[in-house]
Amino acid sequence: MKVGFVSLGCSKNLIDTEMGIAIFKEHKFEVVSNPEEADIIVVNTCGFIASAKEEAINTIIEMAEFKKNNCKFLIAMGCLVKRYKEELIRSIPEVDLWISIDEYKDFWKKVAKLVSSNDKTETYMDYRNRVITTGNKMAYLKIAEGCDNFCTYCAIPNIRGRFESRKFEDIINEAKQLAENGYEEIIVIAQDTTKYGIDLYGKYRLPELLEELAKIEKIHWIRFLYAYPESITDELIEVVKKEDKICNYFDIPIQHFSDGILKKMNRKTTGNQITRTVKKIRKELPDVILRTSIIVGFPGESKEDFEILKNAIEKLKFDRLGCFTYSKEEGTPASKFLDQIHYKTKEKRKSIIMEIQKDISKHKMESKVGDIYEVLIEDISDDGLFMIGRSYMDSPDTDGVIYISNADENMIGNFVKCKIVAFEEYDLYAEVV
């Protein structure tokens, strides 16, 4: 039988998808990318915020249409299933099997029963055996599951559970295996990478982990995502500064700058502390790229709170910034706050922030013209005129790209030196030198 996967949501969810693909391959299923060819379609869902839930439900319904033709079984798994399984069973009968996150240990048992497979071999989701879906050079490396921060707006602890670090040695062994298989860019991920190790070892071990990863000879780039500001230590900054393989790139989800809103969010920092952390990183790493994410329209966000946020964004000039309107998520403390903000106000505030950031990004991009960067070439543009790549400044799927005019398809998968010759608000144009 042939199986096709649709993976929604974050990179952490993608790793679950990759482990699921591996289980099917181990049991001799053929994995296909075209759902029209699939006997089984698996949708790995996201249930984080309203827009993600809507996308997941629409995707399930869209995939259900293929049951009118070739598809025999439709399976849904992941975060949305964990949150709303009983409700989903009642409302979307086209789905033949729902697998919640906490049922992954029985993944193959459930699938085997559904498809009446005689193969009763016990197979479990395993990081080491996953099928990488992010190309031939870049792979994600998940170092922890869940979250203990309990931000009042966030459902992650309810979905993914408490923060649970993986064993140090297991992570290093997986990274070595990835490197041996040709993956030269390793992206370290968790809901909060900076907390790595605190539950297992009683201390933060991300700096030590990064140092050990940098010793793996065949790894070329290392980046880590989601460094919470209160846990960015001098030791972490020093490791990034010292190790050439670690990209000078910090993704710091700050969410706000108003102390009142930060407190209501149950964030563990203040606006001044965030500012000091940003300035410290830039002092130690002058060429660092700083990315952040913020939320506008959180319950009780006054005009004064928004002004504090806006002024901080204008002053600190983050290289990359994602702005989200507050999403009222059931089961979270913030959903019960009485001072909810009207959606039109939220959208207006988002537009203001993104206009500010667009101008900041334009000037940042313009300043790169004439500079030379090492670029990993990954793809060709739809019109065939450019090769597409990324530098240390660009995290995949979230940041911009670099369009290279004088490269060719033979360079895909290679690191090449490129000179920036032109810019747009979020992307750069370059030539191989």
Protein backbone atom coordinates (compact mmCIF):
# COMPACT_ATOMS: atom_id res chain seq x y z
CA MET A 1 0.00 0.00 0.00
CA LYS A 2 1.02 3.60 -0.57
CA VAL A 3 0.91 6.24 2.18
CA GLY A 4 1.05 10.03 1.94
CA PHE A 5 1.66 12.51 4.75
CA VAL A 6 0.57 16.11 5.24
CA SER A 7 2.45 17.80 8.08
CA LEU A 8 1.09 21.03 9.55
CA GLY A 9 2.39 23.37 12.24
CA CYS A 10 5.85 23.77 13.69
CA SER A 11 9.18 22.05 13.12
CA LYS A 12 8.71 20.09 16.35
CA ASN A 13 5.55 18.60 14.85
CA LEU A 14 7.44 17.86 11.63
CA ILE A 15 9.82 15.61 13.54
CA ASP A 16 6.82 13.56 14.73
CA THR A 17 5.77 13.29 11.09
CA GLU A 18 9.24 12.09 10.11
CA MET A 19 9.13 9.40 12.78
CA GLY A 20 5.68 8.35 11.58
CA ILE A 21 6.92 8.05 7.98
CA ALA A 22 9.75 5.83 9.21
CA ILE A 23 7.29 3.45 10.86
CA PHE A 24 5.35 3.02 7.62
CA LYS A 25 8.55 2.49 5.62
CA GLU A 26 9.75 -0.10 8.12
CA HIS A 27 6.55 -2.02 7.48
CA LYS A 28 7.13 -1.94 3.70
CA PHE A 29 4.67 0.82 2.80
CA GLU A 30 5.59 3.03 -0.15
CA VAL A 31 5.64 6.72 0.80
CA VAL A 32 4.26 9.06 -1.90
CA SER A 33 4.00 12.85 -2.07
CA ASN A 34 0.89 13.01 -4.24
CA PRO A 35 -2.30 12.32 -2.22
CA GLU A 36 -4.04 11.12 -5.39
CA GLU A 37 -1.73 8.09 -5.37
CA ALA A 38 -2.10 7.27 -1.67
CA ASP A 39 -4.07 4.35 -0.26
CA ILE A 40 -3.59 5.91 3.18
CA ILE A 41 -3.39 9.64 3.92
CA VAL A 42 -2.05 10.84 7.27
CA VAL A 43 -2.56 14.43 8.39
CA ASN A 44 -0.38 15.57 11.30
CA THR A 45 -2.33 18.47 12.78
CA CYS A 46 -1.49 21.63 14.69
CA GLY A 47 -3.85 22.86 17.40
CA PHE A 48 -1.90 25.81 18.77
CA ILE A 49 -4.07 28.82 17.85
CA ALA A 50 -7.36 29.43 16.05
CA SER A 51 -5.85 29.91 12.58
CA ALA A 52 -3.84 26.68 12.92
CA LYS A 53 -6.91 24.75 14.05
CA GLU A 54 -8.89 26.07 11.10
CA GLU A 55 -6.11 25.09 8.69
CA ALA A 56 -5.95 21.60 10.20
CA ILE A 57 -9.70 20.99 9.91
CA ASN A 58 -9.80 22.33 6.35
CA THR A 59 -6.87 20.10 5.39
CA ILE A 60 -8.54 17.02 6.87
CA ILE A 61 -11.74 17.76 4.96
CA GLU A 62 -9.74 18.40 1.78
CA MET A 63 -7.91 15.07 2.15
CA ALA A 64 -11.21 13.31 2.82
CA GLU A 65 -12.21 14.08 -0.77
CA PHE A 66 -9.60 11.59 -1.97
CA LYS A 67 -11.59 8.80 -0.30
CA LYS A 68 -14.01 9.11 -3.20
CA ASN A 69 -11.24 7.75 -5.43
CA ASN A 70 -8.09 5.88 -4.45
CA CYS A 71 -7.71 6.60 -0.74
CA LYS A 72 -8.96 3.79 1.51
CA PHE A 73 -8.02 5.15 4.94
CA LEU A 74 -7.69 8.66 6.36
CA ILE A 75 -5.71 9.12 9.57
CA ALA A 76 -5.37 12.28 11.65
CA MET A 77 -2.73 12.67 14.37
CA GLY A 78 -1.10 15.41 16.43
CA CYS A 79 -1.91 18.42 18.56
CA LEU A 80 -5.45 19.11 17.34
CA VAL A 81 -6.38 15.49 18.02
CA LYS A 82 -4.97 15.75 21.54
CA ARG A 83 -7.13 18.81 22.29
CA TYR A 84 -10.40 17.88 20.61
CA LYS A 85 -10.43 14.16 19.87
CA GLU A 86 -13.99 13.32 20.97
CA GLU A 87 -15.43 16.38 19.28
CA LEU A 88 -13.54 15.62 16.07
CA ILE A 89 -14.71 11.99 16.03
CA ARG A 90 -18.31 13.21 16.11
CA SER A 91 -17.91 15.99 13.55
CA ILE A 92 -15.65 14.42 10.89
CA PRO A 93 -16.71 10.79 10.39
CA GLU A 94 -14.62 10.54 7.20
CA VAL A 95 -11.53 10.06 9.36
CA ASP A 96 -10.90 6.37 10.02
CA LEU A 97 -8.34 6.73 12.82
CA TRP A 98 -7.50 9.51 15.26
CA ILE A 99 -4.13 9.29 17.02
CA SER A 100 -3.44 11.70 19.86
CA ILE A 101 0.09 12.69 20.89
CA ASP A 102 -0.15 10.59 24.03
CA GLU A 103 -1.01 7.55 21.88
CA TYR A 104 2.16 7.65 19.77
CA LYS A 105 3.60 4.71 21.72
CA ASP A 106 0.85 2.60 20.14
CA PHE A 107 1.08 4.22 16.69
CA TRP A 108 1.78 1.06 14.71
CA LYS A 109 -0.64 -1.09 16.72
CA LYS A 110 -3.46 1.28 15.84
CA VAL A 111 -2.48 1.50 12.17
CA ALA A 112 -2.03 -2.28 11.85
CA LYS A 113 -5.49 -2.86 13.29
CA LEU A 114 -7.02 -0.30 10.92
CA VAL A 115 -5.50 -1.74 7.76
CA SER A 116 -5.83 -5.38 8.94
CA SER A 117 -2.08 -5.88 8.68
CA ASN A 118 -0.69 -9.23 9.75
CA ASP A 119 2.64 -7.57 10.58
CA LYS A 120 2.49 -7.47 14.37
CA THR A 121 6.12 -6.39 14.83
CA GLU A 122 6.24 -3.76 17.55
CA THR A 123 7.57 -0.50 16.14
CA TYR A 124 7.91 2.74 18.05
CA MET A 125 8.50 6.34 17.14
CA ASP A 126 12.25 6.81 17.31
CA TYR A 127 14.29 9.94 16.64
CA ARG A 128 17.15 7.86 15.26
CA ASN A 129 15.09 6.22 12.53
CA ARG A 130 13.07 9.16 11.26
CA VAL A 131 12.92 10.00 7.57
CA ILE A 132 14.25 13.53 7.10
CA THR A 133 11.93 15.63 4.91
CA THR A 134 13.85 18.92 4.92
CA GLY A 135 16.21 18.26 2.01
CA ASN A 136 19.65 16.69 1.91
CA LYS A 137 21.61 19.23 3.95
CA MET A 138 19.44 20.56 6.81
CA ALA A 139 17.78 18.64 9.63
CA TYR A 140 16.04 19.61 12.85
CA LEU A 141 17.29 18.22 16.14
CA LYS A 142 14.68 18.19 18.91
CA ILE A 143 16.29 18.32 22.36
CA ALA A 144 13.21 18.52 24.59
CA GLU A 145 9.46 18.05 24.58
CA GLY A 146 6.74 20.10 26.25
CA CYS A 147 7.00 23.32 28.25
CA ASP A 148 6.99 24.47 31.87
CA ASN A 149 6.65 28.21 31.29
CA PHE A 150 2.83 28.25 31.53
CA CYS A 151 2.33 31.55 29.72
CA THR A 152 -1.30 32.49 30.30
CA TYR A 153 -2.11 32.66 26.56
CA CYS A 154 -0.51 29.34 25.57
CA ALA A 155 -2.01 25.85 25.33
CA ILE A 156 1.30 24.04 24.70
CA PRO A 157 1.66 22.60 28.24
CA ASN A 158 -1.89 21.23 27.95
CA ILE A 159 -1.09 19.68 24.58
CA ARG A 160 2.53 18.60 24.85
CA GLY A 161 2.88 18.24 28.59
CA ARG A 162 5.62 19.35 30.97
CA PHE A 163 9.14 20.19 29.84
CA GLU A 164 11.11 16.99 29.30
CA SER A 165 14.73 17.09 28.15
CA ARG A 166 16.20 14.27 26.11
CA LYS A 167 19.36 12.65 27.38
CA PHE A 168 22.51 14.52 26.44
CA GLU A 169 24.19 11.45 24.97
CA ASP A 170 21.16 10.52 22.86
CA ILE A 171 21.09 13.96 21.28
CA ILE A 172 24.79 13.88 20.45
CA ASN A 173 24.52 10.40 18.98
CA GLU A 174 21.59 11.47 16.80
CA ALA A 175 23.54 14.53 15.61
CA LYS A 176 26.53 12.35 14.71
CA GLN A 177 24.25 10.05 12.74
CA LEU A 178 22.74 13.02 10.90
CA ALA A 179 26.22 14.34 10.08
CA GLU A 180 27.30 10.94 8.77
CA ASN A 181 24.23 10.94 6.52
CA GLY A 182 25.27 14.25 4.97
CA TYR A 183 23.28 16.78 6.98
CA GLU A 184 25.56 19.77 7.41
CA GLU A 185 23.12 22.24 8.98
CA ILE A 186 21.63 21.19 12.31
CA ILE A 187 18.84 23.28 13.80
CA VAL A 188 18.40 22.65 17.52
CA ILE A 189 14.77 23.05 18.59
CA ALA A 190 12.51 22.79 21.61
CA GLN A 191 9.69 24.90 22.93
CA ASP A 192 12.35 26.63 25.04
CA THR A 193 15.87 25.52 24.12
CA THR A 194 17.51 27.62 26.86
CA LYS A 195 15.88 25.48 29.57
CA TYR A 196 17.50 22.33 28.23
CA GLY A 197 18.77 20.04 30.96
CA ILE A 198 17.21 21.74 33.98
CA ASP A 199 14.79 18.85 34.59
CA LEU A 200 17.27 16.03 34.02
CA TYR A 201 20.49 17.50 35.34
CA GLY A 202 19.43 20.35 37.59
CA LYS A 203 21.16 22.98 35.45
CA TYR A 204 20.98 24.59 32.02
CA ARG A 205 23.14 22.55 29.63
CA LEU A 206 22.44 24.20 26.27
CA PRO A 207 25.90 25.89 26.10
CA GLU A 208 27.58 22.55 26.83
CA LEU A 209 25.38 20.78 24.28
CA LEU A 210 26.20 23.33 21.57
CA GLU A 211 29.91 23.00 22.30
CA GLU A 212 29.71 19.24 21.94
CA LEU A 213 27.74 19.52 18.69
CA ALA A 214 30.38 21.88 17.31
CA LYS A 215 32.98 19.12 17.76
CA ILE A 216 31.21 16.93 15.19
CA GLU A 217 33.47 17.30 12.18
CA LYS A 218 30.98 17.06 9.32
CA ILE A 219 28.54 19.62 10.73
CA HIS A 220 28.96 23.02 9.06
CA TRP A 221 26.24 25.20 10.63
CA ILE A 222 24.45 24.95 13.97
CA ARG A 223 21.59 27.21 14.95
CA PHE A 224 19.25 26.98 17.93
CA LEU A 225 15.72 28.35 18.05
CA TYR A 226 13.52 29.81 20.79
CA ALA A 227 15.90 31.19 23.39
CA TYR A 228 13.81 32.75 26.14
CA PRO A 229 15.34 36.07 27.24
CA GLU A 230 15.48 35.32 30.97
CA SER A 231 17.57 32.20 30.32
CA ILE A 232 20.13 33.67 27.92
CA THR A 233 23.28 33.50 30.03
CA ASP A 234 26.74 34.97 29.55
CA GLU A 235 27.94 31.39 29.09
CA LEU A 236 25.54 30.84 26.17
CA ILE A 237 26.58 34.08 24.46
CA GLU A 238 30.25 33.17 24.96
CA VAL A 239 29.79 29.74 23.37
CA VAL A 240 28.13 31.29 20.31
CA LYS A 241 30.95 33.82 20.12
CA LYS A 242 33.66 31.17 20.44
CA GLU A 243 32.36 28.45 18.12
CA ASP A 244 32.51 29.32 14.41
CA LYS A 245 30.02 26.60 13.51
CA ILE A 246 27.28 28.14 15.67
CA CYS A 247 25.45 30.79 13.66
CA ASN A 248 25.39 34.26 15.18
CA TYR A 249 21.60 34.08 15.26
CA PHE A 250 19.28 34.35 18.25
CA ASP A 251 15.55 33.71 18.01
CA ILE A 252 14.18 35.33 21.18
CA PRO A 253 10.38 35.21 21.64
CA ILE A 254 9.78 38.30 23.80
CA GLN A 255 6.00 38.74 23.20
CA HIS A 256 5.83 42.26 24.68
CA PHE A 257 7.73 45.11 26.36
CA SER A 258 5.11 46.47 28.75
CA ASP A 259 5.83 45.12 32.23
CA GLY A 260 2.12 45.05 33.03
CA ILE A 261 1.32 42.90 30.00
CA LEU A 262 4.36 40.70 30.51
CA LYS A 263 3.20 40.01 34.06
CA LYS A 264 -0.33 39.17 32.88
CA MET A 265 1.22 36.84 30.33
CA ASN A 266 3.16 35.14 33.15
CA ARG A 267 6.41 35.90 31.38
CA LYS A 268 9.51 35.71 33.56
CA THR A 269 11.13 38.96 32.47
CA THR A 270 10.63 42.73 32.12
CA GLY A 271 11.01 45.19 29.29
CA ASN A 272 14.25 46.55 30.73
CA GLN A 273 15.70 43.07 31.16
CA ILE A 274 14.88 42.24 27.53
CA THR A 275 16.55 45.48 26.39
CA ARG A 276 19.68 44.74 28.41
CA THR A 277 19.86 41.20 27.00
CA VAL A 278 19.54 42.45 23.42
CA LYS A 279 22.24 45.08 23.94
CA LYS A 280 24.56 42.54 25.59
CA ILE A 281 24.21 40.10 22.69
CA ARG A 282 24.87 42.82 20.13
CA LYS A 283 27.90 44.06 22.05
CA GLU A 284 29.47 40.59 22.12
CA LEU A 285 28.34 39.61 18.60
CA PRO A 286 28.29 42.72 16.37
CA ASP A 287 27.12 40.78 13.30
CA VAL A 288 24.38 38.89 15.16
CA ILE A 289 20.93 38.47 13.66
CA LEU A 290 18.15 38.88 16.21
CA ARG A 291 14.72 37.49 15.53
CA THR A 292 11.73 37.87 17.80
CA SER A 293 7.97 37.32 17.96
CA ILE A 294 5.42 39.55 19.67
CA ILE A 295 1.72 39.46 20.49
CA VAL A 296 -0.54 42.48 20.11
CA GLY A 297 -4.05 42.77 21.49
CA PHE A 298 -3.46 40.71 24.62
CA PRO A 299 -6.34 41.21 27.10
CA GLY A 300 -5.98 44.54 28.83
CA GLU A 301 -3.39 45.93 26.41
CA SER A 302 -3.98 49.67 26.70
CA LYS A 303 -2.90 52.37 24.29
CA GLU A 304 -0.03 53.09 26.67
CA ASP A 305 1.03 49.43 26.70
CA PHE A 306 1.00 49.37 22.92
CA GLU A 307 3.05 52.57 22.76
CA ILE A 308 5.68 50.99 25.02
CA LEU A 309 5.82 48.00 22.68
CA LYS A 310 5.93 50.14 19.53
CA ASN A 311 8.66 52.41 20.89
CA ALA A 312 10.80 49.44 21.90
CA ILE A 313 10.49 47.88 18.45
CA GLU A 314 11.50 51.17 16.84
CA LYS A 315 14.44 51.57 19.21
CA LEU A 316 15.89 48.05 19.24
CA LYS A 317 15.38 47.38 15.53
CA PHE A 318 15.22 43.59 15.45
CA ASP A 319 16.53 42.06 12.23
CA ARG A 320 13.54 39.75 11.96
CA LEU A 321 10.17 40.09 13.66
CA GLY A 322 6.91 38.17 13.58
CA CYS A 323 3.80 39.87 14.95
CA PHE A 324 0.70 37.90 15.95
CA THR A 325 -2.69 39.03 17.17
CA TYR A 326 -3.71 37.48 20.47
CA SER A 327 -5.72 34.29 19.98
CA LYS A 328 -8.18 33.40 22.74
CA GLU A 329 -7.46 29.74 23.43
CA GLU A 330 -9.87 27.70 25.54
CA GLY A 331 -8.32 26.10 28.56
CA THR A 332 -5.79 28.91 29.05
CA PRO A 333 -6.01 31.46 31.89
CA ALA A 334 -6.01 34.41 29.49
CA SER A 335 -9.16 33.15 27.79
CA LYS A 336 -11.03 33.94 31.00
CA PHE A 337 -9.71 37.50 31.29
CA LEU A 338 -12.60 39.94 31.03
CA ASP A 339 -10.72 42.76 29.28
CA GLN A 340 -10.51 41.17 25.82
CA ILE A 341 -9.50 43.44 22.93
CA HIS A 342 -11.71 43.92 19.84
CA TYR A 343 -10.37 42.09 16.80
CA LYS A 344 -10.29 45.29 14.71
CA THR A 345 -8.04 46.92 17.31
CA LYS A 346 -5.79 43.87 17.30
CA GLU A 347 -5.50 43.89 13.52
CA LYS A 348 -4.80 47.63 13.43
CA ARG A 349 -2.02 47.28 15.99
CA LYS A 350 -0.51 44.39 14.06
CA SER A 351 -0.52 46.48 10.88
CA ILE A 352 1.26 49.35 12.66
CA ILE A 353 3.98 47.05 14.00
CA MET A 354 4.51 45.32 10.66
CA GLU A 355 4.82 48.66 8.85
CA ILE A 356 7.48 49.71 11.35
CA GLN A 357 9.28 46.40 10.91
CA LYS A 358 9.04 46.58 7.13
CA ASP A 359 10.91 49.87 7.18
CA ILE A 360 13.49 48.51 9.65
CA SER A 361 14.02 45.40 7.53
CA LYS A 362 14.39 47.44 4.34
CA HIS A 363 17.22 49.48 5.86
CA LYS A 364 18.83 46.35 7.31
CA MET A 365 18.73 44.66 3.90
CA GLU A 366 20.13 47.74 2.16
CA SER A 367 23.11 47.75 4.53
CA LYS A 368 24.07 44.25 3.31
CA VAL A 369 24.71 45.35 -0.30
CA GLY A 370 28.36 44.82 -1.13
CA ASP A 371 28.91 42.30 1.68
CA ILE A 372 30.05 38.74 1.00
CA TYR A 373 28.39 35.80 2.75
CA GLU A 374 28.60 32.05 2.72
CA VAL A 375 25.32 30.79 1.25
CA LEU A 376 23.79 27.32 1.27
CA ILE A 377 22.10 26.92 -2.12
CA GLU A 378 18.91 24.88 -1.76
CA ASP A 379 16.54 25.35 -4.68
CA ILE A 380 15.71 27.03 -7.97
CA SER A 381 13.11 29.79 -8.36
CA ASP A 382 9.82 29.00 -10.08
CA ASP A 383 10.77 31.11 -13.09
CA GLY A 384 14.14 29.37 -13.35
CA LEU A 385 16.05 32.65 -13.29
CA PHE A 386 17.63 32.32 -9.84
CA MET A 387 19.01 29.76 -7.47
CA ILE A 388 17.69 30.20 -3.93
CA GLY A 389 19.84 30.03 -0.84
CA ARG A 390 20.28 31.06 2.78
CA SER A 391 23.10 32.52 4.83
CA TYR A 392 23.69 32.28 8.58
CA MET A 393 21.19 35.16 8.79
CA ASP A 394 18.26 33.09 7.53
CA SER A 395 16.38 30.39 9.36
CA PRO A 396 14.33 28.20 6.97
CA ASP A 397 10.61 28.83 6.48
CA THR A 398 10.58 31.92 8.72
CA ASP A 399 13.13 34.35 7.29
CA GLY A 400 13.81 35.64 3.80
CA VAL A 401 16.08 34.07 1.20
CA ILE A 402 18.92 35.04 -1.09
CA TYR A 403 18.37 34.90 -4.86
CA ILE A 404 21.58 34.12 -6.77
CA SER A 405 21.64 35.09 -10.45
CA ASN A 406 24.82 33.37 -11.67
CA ALA A 407 24.55 29.99 -9.91
CA ASP A 408 23.28 26.76 -11.44
CA GLU A 409 21.52 23.59 -10.32
CA ASN A 410 24.84 21.78 -9.86
CA MET A 411 25.44 24.02 -6.86
CA ILE A 412 22.34 22.87 -4.96
CA GLY A 413 23.46 21.49 -1.60
CA ASN A 414 26.74 23.41 -1.63
CA PHE A 415 28.00 26.31 0.46
CA VAL A 416 29.27 29.09 -1.83
CA LYS A 417 30.57 32.62 -1.35
CA CYS A 418 28.14 35.23 -2.64
CA LYS A 419 28.24 39.01 -2.89
CA ILE A 420 25.01 40.90 -2.18
CA VAL A 421 24.10 43.14 -5.15
CA ALA A 422 20.49 44.19 -4.50
CA PHE A 423 17.75 44.01 -1.88
CA GLU A 424 14.04 43.97 -1.14
CA GLU A 425 12.30 44.45 2.21
CA TYR A 426 12.90 40.87 3.30
CA ASP A 427 15.05 39.20 0.62
CA LEU A 428 18.48 39.74 -0.92
CA TYR A 429 19.96 39.28 -4.39
CA ALA A 430 23.51 38.04 -4.87
CA GLU A 431 26.15 36.79 -7.27
CA VAL A 432 28.63 33.96 -6.72
CA VAL A 433 32.16 35.32 -6.31
